[in-house]
Protein backbone atom coordinates (compact mmCIF):
# COMPACT_ATOMS: atom_id res chain seq x y z
CA MET A 1 14.67 7.05 27.44
CA ASN A 2 13.50 4.68 30.18
CA LYS A 3 9.75 4.67 29.63
CA THR A 4 8.01 1.29 29.62
CA PRO A 5 6.05 0.71 26.40
CA PRO A 6 2.31 0.00 26.70
CA THR A 7 1.38 -3.56 25.87
CA THR A 8 -1.71 -5.54 25.00
CA GLY A 9 -1.19 -9.24 25.55
CA GLY A 10 2.57 -8.67 25.41
CA ILE A 11 2.39 -6.83 22.05
CA PHE A 12 3.59 -3.23 21.84
CA VAL A 13 0.71 -0.86 21.11
CA VAL A 14 1.20 2.84 20.44
CA PRO A 15 -1.08 4.97 22.65
CA LEU A 16 -4.16 6.13 20.78
CA ARG A 17 -4.34 9.79 19.86
CA ASP A 18 -6.51 11.90 22.16
CA THR A 19 -8.79 12.87 19.29
CA CYS A 20 -9.67 11.06 16.10
CA PRO A 21 -12.81 12.16 14.22
CA MET A 22 -14.91 9.16 13.22
CA TYR A 23 -18.40 7.72 13.26
CA GLN A 24 -19.53 5.19 15.82
CA ARG A 25 -18.66 1.64 14.85
CA GLU A 26 -22.30 0.57 15.14
CA ILE A 27 -23.34 3.09 12.48
CA ILE A 28 -20.62 1.98 10.08
CA ASP A 29 -21.39 -1.71 10.57
CA LYS A 30 -25.10 -1.08 10.07
CA ALA A 31 -24.40 0.84 6.86
CA LEU A 32 -22.18 -1.91 5.48
CA ASP A 33 -24.77 -4.58 6.39
CA LEU A 34 -27.48 -2.62 4.56
CA GLN A 35 -25.24 -2.32 1.51
CA ARG A 36 -24.70 -6.06 1.48
CA GLU A 37 -28.49 -6.48 1.54
CA GLY A 38 -28.72 -4.47 -1.68
CA PHE A 39 -29.76 -1.01 -0.46
CA SER A 40 -28.46 1.95 -2.46
CA ASP A 41 -25.99 4.44 -0.99
CA ARG A 42 -28.71 7.08 -0.72
CA ALA A 43 -31.10 4.70 1.01
CA VAL A 44 -28.43 3.56 3.44
CA ALA A 45 -27.54 7.20 4.19
CA GLU A 46 -31.16 8.05 5.00
CA LEU A 47 -31.59 4.96 7.22
CA CYS A 48 -28.36 5.63 9.13
CA GLY A 49 -28.62 9.41 9.31
CA VAL A 50 -25.32 10.07 7.53
CA SER A 51 -24.33 11.51 4.17
CA ALA A 52 -24.27 9.44 0.99
CA GLY A 53 -20.65 10.50 0.52
CA ALA A 54 -19.69 8.92 3.85
CA VAL A 55 -21.42 5.70 2.85
CA ARG A 56 -19.53 5.59 -0.43
CA LYS A 57 -16.21 6.15 1.37
CA TRP A 58 -16.96 3.30 3.76
CA ARG A 59 -17.80 1.05 0.83
CA TYR A 60 -14.57 1.86 -1.02
CA GLY A 61 -12.40 1.81 2.09
CA THR A 62 -11.31 5.44 2.24
CA ARG A 63 -12.83 6.47 5.60
CA ARG A 64 -11.59 5.41 8.99
CA ARG A 65 -13.78 3.32 11.32
CA ALA A 66 -13.82 3.09 15.10
CA PRO A 67 -11.00 0.96 16.54
CA ASP A 68 -11.75 -2.65 17.42
CA PRO A 69 -9.14 -3.94 19.93
CA ALA A 70 -10.20 -7.52 19.25
CA ALA A 71 -9.32 -7.12 15.59
CA ALA A 72 -6.43 -4.67 15.75
CA GLY A 73 -4.53 -4.67 12.52
CA ALA A 74 -7.30 -6.42 10.60
CA HIS A 75 -8.49 -5.09 7.26
CA ASP A 76 -11.79 -6.18 5.74
CA GLY A 77 -11.11 -4.75 2.27
CA ARG A 78 -13.31 -1.69 2.87
CA ILE A 79 -12.07 0.36 5.81
CA LYS A 80 -8.41 1.27 6.33
CA GLN A 81 -7.08 0.86 9.88
CA ASP A 82 -3.47 1.63 9.06
CA CYS A 83 -2.37 3.99 11.82
CA PRO A 84 -1.22 2.55 15.17
CA ARG A 85 -1.87 5.91 16.85
CA CYS A 86 -5.46 6.24 15.65
CA PHE A 87 -6.33 2.53 15.78
CA GLN A 88 -5.12 -0.03 18.26
CA ARG A 89 -2.98 -1.83 15.68
CA PRO A 90 0.33 -3.20 17.01
CA LEU A 91 3.31 -1.22 15.76
CA PRO A 92 5.98 -3.31 13.96
CA GLN A 93 8.80 -2.02 16.15
CA PRO A 94 11.93 -3.23 14.30
CA ALA A 95 10.73 -1.82 10.97
CA TYR A 96 9.60 1.44 12.56
CA ALA A 97 12.88 1.96 14.47
CA TYR A 98 14.83 1.59 11.23
CA LEU A 99 12.39 3.81 9.31
CA LEU A 100 12.63 6.48 12.02
CA GLY A 101 16.41 6.54 11.55
CA LEU A 102 15.99 6.89 7.79
CA TYR A 103 13.43 9.68 8.22
CA LEU A 104 15.60 11.70 10.62
CA GLY A 105 18.47 11.47 8.14
CA ASP A 106 17.13 11.65 4.60
CA GLY A 107 13.35 11.78 4.99
CA HIS A 108 10.68 14.43 4.78
CA ILE A 109 6.88 14.69 4.84
CA VAL A 110 4.83 17.05 2.69
CA ALA A 111 1.10 17.69 2.50
CA THR A 112 -0.49 16.60 -0.78
CA THR A 113 -4.22 16.59 -1.53
CA LYS A 114 -7.40 15.78 0.39
CA GLY A 115 -5.67 15.88 3.76
CA CYS A 116 -3.03 13.32 2.77
CA TYR A 117 0.71 13.42 3.41
CA ARG A 118 3.58 11.88 1.48
CA LEU A 119 6.54 10.41 3.34
CA THR A 120 9.69 10.36 1.16
CA ILE A 121 13.06 8.77 1.86
CA SER A 122 15.83 9.77 -0.57
CA CYS A 123 18.26 6.93 -1.37
CA THR A 124 21.39 6.99 -3.50
CA ALA A 125 20.66 5.07 -6.70
CA SER A 126 23.96 3.15 -6.51
CA TRP A 127 22.78 1.33 -3.36
CA PRO A 128 19.80 -0.82 -4.43
CA GLY A 129 19.93 -2.82 -1.19
CA LEU A 130 19.17 0.32 0.82
CA VAL A 131 16.31 1.17 -1.51
CA GLU A 132 14.76 -2.26 -0.89
CA ALA A 133 15.32 -1.94 2.85
CA ALA A 134 13.50 1.43 2.84
CA VAL A 135 10.60 -0.03 0.82
CA THR A 136 10.28 -2.96 3.23
CA ALA A 137 10.38 -0.77 6.34
CA MET A 138 7.80 1.65 4.95
CA SER A 139 5.37 -1.03 3.74
CA THR A 140 5.72 -2.98 7.01
CA THR A 141 5.03 0.10 9.12
CA MET A 142 1.91 1.12 7.12
CA PRO A 143 0.87 -2.06 5.26
CA LEU A 144 -2.29 -0.61 3.69
CA SER A 145 -0.50 2.34 2.07
CA LYS A 146 1.24 1.64 -1.24
CA VAL A 147 4.96 2.32 -1.52
CA HIS A 148 6.41 3.71 -4.74
CA ARG A 149 9.86 4.40 -6.18
CA ARG A 150 10.66 7.53 -8.19
CA GLU A 151 13.96 8.05 -10.01
CA ARG A 152 15.73 11.36 -9.63
CA ARG A 153 19.17 12.44 -10.80
CA GLY A 154 21.49 10.02 -8.99
CA ALA A 155 18.83 9.07 -6.48
CA ILE A 156 15.71 7.01 -5.96
CA GLU A 157 12.93 8.41 -3.82
CA VAL A 158 10.93 5.85 -1.87
CA HIS A 159 7.58 7.36 -0.97
CA SER A 160 4.15 6.49 0.36
CA GLN A 161 1.01 8.54 0.87
CA SER A 162 -1.32 8.43 3.88
CA LYS A 163 -3.30 10.77 6.10
CA HIS A 164 -1.45 9.31 9.07
CA TRP A 165 2.29 9.71 8.43
CA PRO A 166 2.46 12.80 10.72
CA CYS A 167 0.91 10.65 13.46
CA LEU A 168 3.94 8.35 13.34
CA PHE A 169 6.49 11.12 12.80
CA PRO A 170 5.53 14.01 15.11
CA GLN A 171 8.93 15.57 14.25
CA HIS A 172 7.30 16.72 10.99
CA GLY A 173 7.15 20.49 10.74
CA PRO A 174 7.93 23.49 8.53
CA GLY A 175 11.50 24.06 7.41
CA PRO A 176 14.64 21.92 7.53
CA LYS A 177 15.07 19.72 10.61
CA HIS A 178 18.26 21.47 11.73
CA THR A 179 16.36 24.77 12.06
CA ARG A 180 13.94 23.46 14.69
CA SER A 181 13.89 21.30 17.79
CA ILE A 182 13.82 17.52 17.17
CA GLU A 183 12.69 15.42 20.13
CA LEU A 184 11.26 11.92 20.33
CA ALA A 185 7.80 11.40 21.80
CA THR A 186 7.61 9.13 24.85
CA TRP A 187 6.29 6.21 22.82
CA GLN A 188 9.07 6.70 20.23
CA GLU A 189 11.69 6.60 22.99
CA ALA A 190 10.27 3.27 24.11
CA VAL A 191 10.57 1.86 20.58
CA VAL A 192 14.11 3.17 20.13
CA ASN A 193 15.22 1.82 23.52
CA GLY A 194 14.00 -1.61 22.50
CA HIS A 195 15.57 -1.50 19.02
CA LEU A 196 18.70 0.61 19.31
CA GLU A 197 20.58 -1.33 16.63
CA GLY A 198 17.84 -0.84 14.04
CA PHE A 199 17.58 2.86 14.87
CA VAL A 200 21.35 3.37 14.50
CA ARG A 201 21.34 1.33 11.30
CA GLY A 202 18.69 3.63 9.82
CA LEU A 203 20.64 6.74 10.79
CA VAL A 204 23.89 5.42 9.29
CA HIS A 205 22.12 4.21 6.13
CA SER A 206 20.74 7.70 5.62
CA ASP A 207 23.42 10.15 6.79
CA GLY A 208 26.39 7.90 7.47
CA CYS A 209 28.99 5.74 5.77
CA ARG A 210 31.68 3.16 6.37
CA SER A 211 35.00 4.05 4.75
CA LEU A 212 38.68 3.11 4.80
CA ASN A 213 41.00 5.64 6.38
CA ARG A 214 44.42 5.52 4.68
CA VAL A 215 47.40 6.70 6.72
CA ARG A 216 51.03 7.40 5.70
CA ARG A 217 53.70 7.46 8.39
CA PRO A 218 57.29 8.49 7.64
CA GLY A 219 60.00 6.13 8.94
CA LYS A 220 63.75 5.53 8.81
CA ASP A 221 63.29 2.96 6.03
CA GLY A 222 60.73 4.99 4.10
CA ASP A 223 57.05 5.79 4.44
CA ARG A 224 54.72 3.22 5.96
CA HIS A 225 51.18 2.93 4.63
CA TYR A 226 48.27 1.32 6.41
CA GLU A 227 44.48 1.59 6.45
CA TYR A 228 41.61 0.88 8.80
CA PRO A 229 37.80 1.09 8.55
CA ARG A 230 35.74 3.69 10.34
CA TYR A 231 32.17 5.00 10.37
CA PHE A 232 31.05 8.56 9.88
CA PHE A 233 27.68 10.15 10.64
CA THR A 234 27.08 13.70 9.43
CA ASN A 235 24.01 15.78 10.21
CA ALA A 236 23.44 19.52 10.64
CA SER A 237 20.96 19.04 13.51
CA ASP A 238 22.44 19.05 17.02
CA ASP A 239 19.37 17.15 18.26
CA ILE A 240 19.64 14.37 15.67
CA ARG A 241 23.38 13.95 16.28
CA LYS A 242 22.61 13.63 20.00
CA LEU A 243 19.99 10.97 19.34
CA TYR A 244 22.68 9.08 17.41
CA THR A 245 25.39 9.43 20.07
CA ASP A 246 22.93 8.60 22.89
CA ALA A 247 22.08 5.37 21.08
CA LEU A 248 25.80 4.60 20.61
CA ASP A 249 26.37 5.21 24.33
CA ALA A 250 23.52 2.85 25.23
CA LEU A 251 25.09 0.20 22.98
CA GLY A 252 28.52 0.72 24.52
CA ILE A 253 30.06 1.94 21.24
CA GLU A 254 32.83 4.52 21.60
CA TRP A 255 32.59 7.59 19.34
CA LYS A 256 34.30 10.90 18.74
CA GLN A 257 33.07 14.24 17.41
CA ASN A 258 35.42 15.14 14.55
CA ASN A 259 33.93 18.55 13.85
CA GLU A 260 30.72 20.53 14.27
CA ARG A 261 28.57 18.17 12.20
CA ASN A 262 30.53 14.92 12.09
CA ILE A 263 30.58 11.92 14.45
CA SER A 264 33.30 9.29 13.94
CA VAL A 265 33.58 5.69 15.17
CA ALA A 266 37.14 4.52 14.57
CA LYS A 267 38.34 2.21 17.35
CA ALA A 268 38.63 -1.38 16.17
CA GLU A 269 36.23 -2.87 18.73
CA ALA A 270 33.65 -0.11 18.13
CA VAL A 271 33.85 -0.55 14.35
CA ALA A 272 33.49 -4.32 14.75
CA ARG A 273 30.37 -3.76 16.87
CA LEU A 274 28.79 -1.57 14.19
CA ASP A 275 29.79 -4.10 11.54
CA ASP A 276 27.64 -6.66 13.39
CA PHE A 277 24.39 -4.88 12.49
CA VAL A 278 25.20 -2.04 10.03
CA GLY A 279 28.06 -2.82 7.67
CA PRO A 280 28.87 -1.02 4.41
CA LYS A 281 26.06 0.39 2.29
CA TYR A 282 25.04 -1.92 -0.53
């Protein structure tokens, strides 16, 4: 996890995907200019040598356009440029690092319709602060894709639909995460290395907790009772647990593996360090 992130003017930019089907920017700009001059969709299509359907999608903002490095992240109201991997839009690293932690714990991606995918993070309904944090992270990472809440029994699902969620979460695949290999891409490692606290916070907020451990010790004058806080992280995936413990190691936080699926942080100084940026769920 020592790769140097690519930058443009000091801003982190995710490397563009090797392939991204799209029309030339000149064709799209010409089509939009003709529309503004009053030409019909069919007339614009004939003049530009494209289909009328493509012209309509450009007009309503549902087809991607060629990346413009000078205007990365811009949105003109017609064409979505939401994906940092397909367009040279700077990735909001703190929000993404936290969202990545949430996704590895309690998130999943499913295909929907028309080539779209829905990213869902399941949050316990009794923790509204975590729900809001998930909404903020998701909307910040993909600002042009709407984020919704859906109530389930005892839970609230935070979800958003886009054609590009698998671009940002290449860990997406068939079956539960613990049944397949989970590895970070090089560009994800760079983000995590730069925002270890946010990544750990997302993991704990999804599959972890802070609790009080109550202890009873017998003594000559009767039993002694005392309690101390500790953190738990539980996940069935060996790979995801290792990502968590590697991040703790990089932060200098001591941990212990309690059992096959459970990581514990119990020493006072380690708990205090986690309290600085995680704290109890809320």
